[in-house]
């Protein structure tokens, strides 16, 4: 994994001088996901880390590797347009903290799983789907596809699909249900998120 990280750095430097062909971007996207996974595993493997420090490390990885603003907009769906500027601002902050806390708690159950990079393919003009498997002891591998978007010579993950289930769509359905139960008021979701991030 250290070799992959060094190679990723070299590719990034080359990318500053030359805009790569899309075929090269699929390779770079694979390396980006591999490097991100390597960093996450290094944090998870440090069981001695206090919970707060582990959460902060995960927050750093998440904000570096994921386009949280775009994901948040996708998740809010049609209600993004209905929300006021103030509601959008608060929602964006609450959404990021909600994701950090939710997945930091889930990842505390880490038990030596590893990430195996499989293939990558272009999807549209700006996206690459990187297919991976999570290898776990005593169980079948879990297929995870990462939708990576290239913008301004950088990569960001905009969705994660686990065994065919999009995390963005799943979260969008859950948030829409909260809003719809309150008669379409975005404020109801903000109340829910405030409670769950305290």
C-alpha atoms as a PDB file:
ATOM      1  CA  UNK A   1       0.000   0.000   0.000  1.00  0.00           C
ATOM      2  CA  UNK A   2       2.925   2.383   0.640  1.00  0.00           C
ATOM      3  CA  UNK A   3       4.053   1.812  -2.932  1.00  0.00           C
ATOM      4  CA  UNK A   4       0.552   2.657  -4.170  1.00  0.00           C
ATOM      5  CA  UNK A   5       0.526   5.858  -2.133  1.00  0.00           C
ATOM      6  CA  UNK A   6       3.920   6.920  -3.543  1.00  0.00           C
ATOM      7  CA  UNK A   7       2.799   6.088  -7.077  1.00  0.00           C
ATOM      8  CA  UNK A   8      -0.406   8.085  -6.578  1.00  0.00           C
ATOM      9  CA  UNK A   9       1.676  11.109  -5.568  1.00  0.00           C
ATOM     10  CA  UNK A  10       3.829  10.727  -8.676  1.00  0.00           C
ATOM     11  CA  UNK A  11       0.780  10.448 -10.931  1.00  0.00           C
ATOM     12  CA  UNK A  12      -0.710  13.559  -9.310  1.00  0.00           C
ATOM     13  CA  UNK A  13       2.459  15.560 -10.023  1.00  0.00           C
ATOM     14  CA  UNK A  14       2.453  14.392 -13.657  1.00  0.00           C
ATOM     15  CA  UNK A  15      -1.237  15.324 -13.863  1.00  0.00           C
ATOM     16  CA  UNK A  16      -0.386  18.940 -13.052  1.00  0.00           C
ATOM     17  CA  UNK A  17       1.560  19.172 -16.304  1.00  0.00           C
ATOM     18  CA  UNK A  18      -0.529  16.936 -18.559  1.00  0.00           C
ATOM     19  CA  UNK A  19      -4.254  16.381 -18.670  1.00  0.00           C
ATOM     20  CA  UNK A  20      -4.469  12.559 -18.841  1.00  0.00           C
ATOM     21  CA  UNK A  21      -6.590  10.623 -21.307  1.00  0.00           C
ATOM     22  CA  UNK A  22      -9.728   9.134 -19.795  1.00  0.00           C
ATOM     23  CA  UNK A  23      -8.229   5.634 -19.837  1.00  0.00           C
ATOM     24  CA  UNK A  24      -5.492   6.967 -17.567  1.00  0.00           C
ATOM     25  CA  UNK A  25      -8.094   8.555 -15.315  1.00  0.00           C
ATOM     26  CA  UNK A  26      -9.678   5.154 -14.661  1.00  0.00           C
ATOM     27  CA  UNK A  27      -6.282   3.946 -13.471  1.00  0.00           C
ATOM     28  CA  UNK A  28      -5.805   7.034 -11.336  1.00  0.00           C
ATOM     29  CA  UNK A  29      -9.299   6.642  -9.877  1.00  0.00           C
ATOM     30  CA  UNK A  30      -8.435   3.076  -8.816  1.00  0.00           C
ATOM     31  CA  UNK A  31      -5.292   4.330  -7.136  1.00  0.00           C
ATOM     32  CA  UNK A  32      -7.226   7.141  -5.463  1.00  0.00           C
ATOM     33  CA  UNK A  33      -9.690   4.664  -3.916  1.00  0.00           C
ATOM     34  CA  UNK A  34      -6.834   2.336  -2.924  1.00  0.00           C
ATOM     35  CA  UNK A  35      -4.993   5.168  -1.184  1.00  0.00           C
ATOM     36  CA  UNK A  36      -8.138   6.358   0.580  1.00  0.00           C
ATOM     37  CA  UNK A  37      -8.875   2.801   1.733  1.00  0.00           C
ATOM     38  CA  UNK A  38      -5.295   2.388   2.920  1.00  0.00           C
ATOM     39  CA  UNK A  39      -5.533   5.546   5.028  1.00  0.00           C
ATOM     40  CA  UNK A  40      -8.859   4.462   6.521  1.00  0.00           C
ATOM     41  CA  UNK A  41      -7.546   1.005   7.426  1.00  0.00           C
ATOM     42  CA  UNK A  42      -4.486   2.514   9.104  1.00  0.00           C
ATOM     43  CA  UNK A  43      -6.800   4.528  11.345  1.00  0.00           C
ATOM     44  CA  UNK A  44      -9.169   1.638  12.017  1.00  0.00           C
ATOM     45  CA  UNK A  45      -6.319  -0.723  12.849  1.00  0.00           C
ATOM     46  CA  UNK A  46      -5.163   1.602  15.639  1.00  0.00           C
ATOM     47  CA  UNK A  47      -7.469   0.233  18.292  1.00  0.00           C
ATOM     48  CA  UNK A  48      -5.665   2.236  20.976  1.00  0.00           C
ATOM     49  CA  UNK A  49      -6.968   5.515  19.545  1.00  0.00           C
ATOM     50  CA  UNK A  50      -9.559   7.228  21.775  1.00  0.00           C
ATOM     51  CA  UNK A  51     -13.016   7.370  20.192  1.00  0.00           C
ATOM     52  CA  UNK A  52     -12.895  11.151  19.725  1.00  0.00           C
ATOM     53  CA  UNK A  53      -9.531  11.020  17.970  1.00  0.00           C
ATOM     54  CA  UNK A  54     -10.678   8.171  15.730  1.00  0.00           C
ATOM     55  CA  UNK A  55     -13.787  10.175  14.804  1.00  0.00           C
ATOM     56  CA  UNK A  56     -11.677  13.220  13.968  1.00  0.00           C
ATOM     57  CA  UNK A  57      -9.392  11.119  11.764  1.00  0.00           C
ATOM     58  CA  UNK A  58     -12.390   9.694   9.969  1.00  0.00           C
ATOM     59  CA  UNK A  59     -13.787  13.216   9.512  1.00  0.00           C
ATOM     60  CA  UNK A  60     -10.508  14.252   7.875  1.00  0.00           C
ATOM     61  CA  UNK A  61     -10.555  11.268   5.490  1.00  0.00           C
ATOM     62  CA  UNK A  62     -14.203  11.833   4.643  1.00  0.00           C
ATOM     63  CA  UNK A  63     -13.876  15.539   3.879  1.00  0.00           C
ATOM     64  CA  UNK A  64     -10.707  14.932   1.853  1.00  0.00           C
ATOM     65  CA  UNK A  65     -11.993  12.049  -0.249  1.00  0.00           C
ATOM     66  CA  UNK A  66     -15.727  12.732  -0.585  1.00  0.00           C
ATOM     67  CA  UNK A  67     -17.608  15.652  -2.145  1.00  0.00           C
ATOM     68  CA  UNK A  68     -19.812  16.136   0.901  1.00  0.00           C
ATOM     69  CA  UNK A  69     -21.577  19.240  -0.416  1.00  0.00           C
ATOM     70  CA  UNK A  70     -22.639  17.522  -3.643  1.00  0.00           C
ATOM     71  CA  UNK A  71     -23.629  14.329  -1.829  1.00  0.00           C
ATOM     72  CA  UNK A  72     -25.678  16.368   0.622  1.00  0.00           C
ATOM     73  CA  UNK A  73     -27.537  18.059  -2.240  1.00  0.00           C
ATOM     74  CA  UNK A  74     -28.225  14.716  -3.918  1.00  0.00           C
ATOM     75  CA  UNK A  75     -29.496  13.271  -0.659  1.00  0.00           C
ATOM     76  CA  UNK A  76     -31.861  16.185   0.008  1.00  0.00           C
ATOM     77  CA  UNK A  77     -33.157  15.789  -3.558  1.00  0.00           C
ATOM     78  CA  UNK A  78     -36.062  17.976  -4.615  1.00  0.00           C
ATOM     79  CA  UNK A  79     -36.227  19.511  -1.149  1.00  0.00           C
ATOM     80  CA  UNK A  80     -32.927  21.307  -1.767  1.00  0.00           C
ATOM     81  CA  UNK A  81     -34.763  23.749  -4.047  1.00  0.00           C
ATOM     82  CA  UNK A  82     -37.490  24.275  -1.455  1.00  0.00           C
ATOM     83  CA  UNK A  83     -35.038  25.003   1.356  1.00  0.00           C
ATOM     84  CA  UNK A  84     -34.125  28.589   2.182  1.00  0.00           C
ATOM     85  CA  UNK A  85     -30.461  29.675   2.023  1.00  0.00           C
ATOM     86  CA  UNK A  86     -30.296  29.522   5.832  1.00  0.00           C
ATOM     87  CA  UNK A  87     -31.776  26.019   5.869  1.00  0.00           C
ATOM     88  CA  UNK A  88     -29.361  24.866   3.155  1.00  0.00           C
ATOM     89  CA  UNK A  89     -26.383  26.177   5.099  1.00  0.00           C
ATOM     90  CA  UNK A  90     -27.410  24.491   8.343  1.00  0.00           C
ATOM     91  CA  UNK A  91     -28.368  21.292   6.550  1.00  0.00           C
ATOM     92  CA  UNK A  92     -24.960  21.036   4.836  1.00  0.00           C
ATOM     93  CA  UNK A  93     -23.132  21.338   8.160  1.00  0.00           C
ATOM     94  CA  UNK A  94     -25.474  18.941   9.959  1.00  0.00           C
ATOM     95  CA  UNK A  95     -25.403  16.409   7.118  1.00  0.00           C
ATOM     96  CA  UNK A  96     -21.617  16.184   7.148  1.00  0.00           C
ATOM     97  CA  UNK A  97     -21.512  15.725  10.920  1.00  0.00           C
ATOM     98  CA  UNK A  98     -24.332  13.157  10.747  1.00  0.00           C
ATOM     99  CA  UNK A  99     -22.398  11.083   8.191  1.00  0.00           C
ATOM    100  CA  UNK A 100     -19.165  11.338  10.172  1.00  0.00           C
ATOM    101  CA  UNK A 101     -20.769  10.186  13.425  1.00  0.00           C
ATOM    102  CA  UNK A 102     -22.891   7.481  11.799  1.00  0.00           C
ATOM    103  CA  UNK A 103     -20.067   5.798   9.939  1.00  0.00           C
ATOM    104  CA  UNK A 104     -17.449   6.375  12.627  1.00  0.00           C
ATOM    105  CA  UNK A 105     -19.659   4.374  14.989  1.00  0.00           C
ATOM    106  CA  UNK A 106     -20.168   1.614  12.430  1.00  0.00           C
ATOM    107  CA  UNK A 107     -16.457   1.433  11.630  1.00  0.00           C
ATOM    108  CA  UNK A 108     -15.655   0.944  15.295  1.00  0.00           C
ATOM    109  CA  UNK A 109     -16.643  -2.677  14.613  1.00  0.00           C
ATOM    110  CA  UNK A 110     -13.649  -3.082  12.274  1.00  0.00           C
ATOM    111  CA  UNK A 111     -12.181  -6.592  12.564  1.00  0.00           C
ATOM    112  CA  UNK A 112      -9.320  -6.835  10.088  1.00  0.00           C
ATOM    113  CA  UNK A 113     -11.262  -6.487   6.818  1.00  0.00           C
ATOM    114  CA  UNK A 114      -9.251  -5.418   3.776  1.00  0.00           C
ATOM    115  CA  UNK A 115     -10.142  -3.603   0.561  1.00  0.00           C
ATOM    116  CA  UNK A 116      -9.325  -5.277  -2.751  1.00  0.00           C
ATOM    117  CA  UNK A 117      -9.370  -3.154  -5.907  1.00  0.00           C
ATOM    118  CA  UNK A 118     -10.902  -4.994  -8.870  1.00  0.00           C
ATOM    119  CA  UNK A 119     -11.724  -2.935 -11.967  1.00  0.00           C
ATOM    120  CA  UNK A 120     -12.639   0.574 -13.095  1.00  0.00           C
ATOM    121  CA  UNK A 121     -14.766   1.849 -15.959  1.00  0.00           C
ATOM    122  CA  UNK A 122     -15.796   5.245 -17.223  1.00  0.00           C
ATOM    123  CA  UNK A 123     -19.396   6.316 -16.674  1.00  0.00           C
ATOM    124  CA  UNK A 124     -20.295   9.518 -18.481  1.00  0.00           C
ATOM    125  CA  UNK A 125     -17.862  12.329 -19.136  1.00  0.00           C
ATOM    126  CA  UNK A 126     -16.583  12.909 -15.613  1.00  0.00           C
ATOM    127  CA  UNK A 127     -17.249   9.772 -13.533  1.00  0.00           C
ATOM    128  CA  UNK A 128     -15.387   6.519 -12.999  1.00  0.00           C
ATOM    129  CA  UNK A 129     -16.907   3.504 -11.246  1.00  0.00           C
ATOM    130  CA  UNK A 130     -14.228   1.712  -9.219  1.00  0.00           C
ATOM    131  CA  UNK A 131     -15.264  -1.826  -8.293  1.00  0.00           C
ATOM    132  CA  UNK A 132     -13.815  -3.253  -5.105  1.00  0.00           C
ATOM    133  CA  UNK A 133     -14.376  -6.076  -2.664  1.00  0.00           C
ATOM    134  CA  UNK A 134     -14.197  -5.964   1.108  1.00  0.00           C
ATOM    135  CA  UNK A 135     -12.485  -9.168   2.171  1.00  0.00           C
ATOM    136  CA  UNK A 136     -13.617 -10.440   5.546  1.00  0.00           C
ATOM    137  CA  UNK A 137     -12.536 -13.457   7.549  1.00  0.00           C
ATOM    138  CA  UNK A 138     -15.147 -16.179   7.757  1.00  0.00           C
ATOM    139  CA  UNK A 139     -17.522 -14.611   5.239  1.00  0.00           C
ATOM    140  CA  UNK A 140     -17.974 -13.940   1.531  1.00  0.00           C
ATOM    141  CA  UNK A 141     -16.459 -10.809   0.009  1.00  0.00           C
ATOM    142  CA  UNK A 142     -18.710  -7.742  -0.092  1.00  0.00           C
ATOM    143  CA  UNK A 143     -18.911  -5.914  -3.408  1.00  0.00           C
ATOM    144  CA  UNK A 144     -18.535  -2.155  -3.119  1.00  0.00           C
ATOM    145  CA  UNK A 145     -18.581   0.217  -6.092  1.00  0.00           C
ATOM    146  CA  UNK A 146     -17.256   3.754  -5.674  1.00  0.00           C
ATOM    147  CA  UNK A 147     -18.483   6.510  -7.993  1.00  0.00           C
ATOM    148  CA  UNK A 148     -15.513   8.817  -8.404  1.00  0.00           C
ATOM    149  CA  UNK A 149     -15.820  12.176 -10.145  1.00  0.00           C
ATOM    150  CA  UNK A 150     -12.924  14.040 -11.719  1.00  0.00           C
ATOM    151  CA  UNK A 151     -12.949  17.816 -11.428  1.00  0.00           C
ATOM    152  CA  UNK A 152     -10.109  20.328 -11.701  1.00  0.00           C
ATOM    153  CA  UNK A 153      -7.461  17.582 -11.707  1.00  0.00           C
ATOM    154  CA  UNK A 154      -8.722  16.066  -8.459  1.00  0.00           C
ATOM    155  CA  UNK A 155     -10.944  13.129  -7.551  1.00  0.00           C
ATOM    156  CA  UNK A 156     -13.860  13.011  -5.159  1.00  0.00           C
ATOM    157  CA  UNK A 157     -16.209  10.155  -4.279  1.00  0.00           C
ATOM    158  CA  UNK A 158     -19.857  11.078  -4.830  1.00  0.00           C
ATOM    159  CA  UNK A 159     -21.573   7.744  -4.074  1.00  0.00           C
ATOM    160  CA  UNK A 160     -20.865   4.323  -2.615  1.00  0.00           C
ATOM    161  CA  UNK A 161     -22.881   1.320  -3.833  1.00  0.00           C
ATOM    162  CA  UNK A 162     -22.787  -1.711  -1.533  1.00  0.00           C
ATOM    163  CA  UNK A 163     -24.001  -4.955  -3.119  1.00  0.00           C
ATOM    164  CA  UNK A 164     -26.028  -2.939  -5.632  1.00  0.00           C
ATOM    165  CA  UNK A 165     -27.544  -0.555  -3.068  1.00  0.00           C
ATOM    166  CA  UNK A 166     -26.663   3.142  -3.438  1.00  0.00           C
ATOM    167  CA  UNK A 167     -25.935   4.823  -0.129  1.00  0.00           C
ATOM    168  CA  UNK A 168     -27.004   8.192  -1.579  1.00  0.00           C
ATOM    169  CA  UNK A 169     -30.390   6.890  -2.728  1.00  0.00           C
ATOM    170  CA  UNK A 170     -30.946   5.002   0.520  1.00  0.00           C
ATOM    171  CA  UNK A 171     -30.210   8.089   2.605  1.00  0.00           C
ATOM    172  CA  UNK A 172     -32.326  10.261   0.298  1.00  0.00           C
ATOM    173  CA  UNK A 173     -35.334   7.993   0.808  1.00  0.00           C
ATOM    174  CA  UNK A 174     -34.888   8.111   4.587  1.00  0.00           C
ATOM    175  CA  UNK A 175     -34.617  11.905   4.670  1.00  0.00           C
ATOM    176  CA  UNK A 176     -37.581  12.322   2.296  1.00  0.00           C
ATOM    177  CA  UNK A 177     -39.681  10.161   4.616  1.00  0.00           C
ATOM    178  CA  UNK A 178     -38.886  12.437   7.574  1.00  0.00           C
ATOM    179  CA  UNK A 179     -39.793  15.555   5.584  1.00  0.00           C
ATOM    180  CA  UNK A 180     -42.969  14.098   4.091  1.00  0.00           C
ATOM    181  CA  UNK A 181     -44.282  13.050   7.502  1.00  0.00           C
ATOM    182  CA  UNK A 182     -44.039  16.719   8.511  1.00  0.00           C
ATOM    183  CA  UNK A 183     -45.955  17.986   5.504  1.00  0.00           C
ATOM    184  CA  UNK A 184     -42.919  18.773   3.357  1.00  0.00           C
ATOM    185  CA  UNK A 185     -41.106  21.028   5.837  1.00  0.00           C
ATOM    186  CA  UNK A 186     -37.312  20.874   5.602  1.00  0.00           C
ATOM    187  CA  UNK A 187     -37.133  22.187   9.165  1.00  0.00           C
ATOM    188  CA  UNK A 188     -38.377  18.788  10.376  1.00  0.00           C
ATOM    189  CA  UNK A 189     -35.258  17.128   8.968  1.00  0.00           C
ATOM    190  CA  UNK A 190     -33.041  19.787  10.539  1.00  0.00           C
ATOM    191  CA  UNK A 191     -34.616  19.066  13.921  1.00  0.00           C
ATOM    192  CA  UNK A 192     -33.924  15.360  13.439  1.00  0.00           C
ATOM    193  CA  UNK A 193     -30.323  15.972  12.407  1.00  0.00           C
ATOM    194  CA  UNK A 194     -29.695  18.353  15.310  1.00  0.00           C
ATOM    195  CA  UNK A 195     -30.848  15.661  17.720  1.00  0.00           C
ATOM    196  CA  UNK A 196     -28.781  12.926  16.114  1.00  0.00           C
ATOM    197  CA  UNK A 197     -25.570  14.951  15.983  1.00  0.00           C
ATOM    198  CA  UNK A 198     -25.622  16.251  19.554  1.00  0.00           C
END
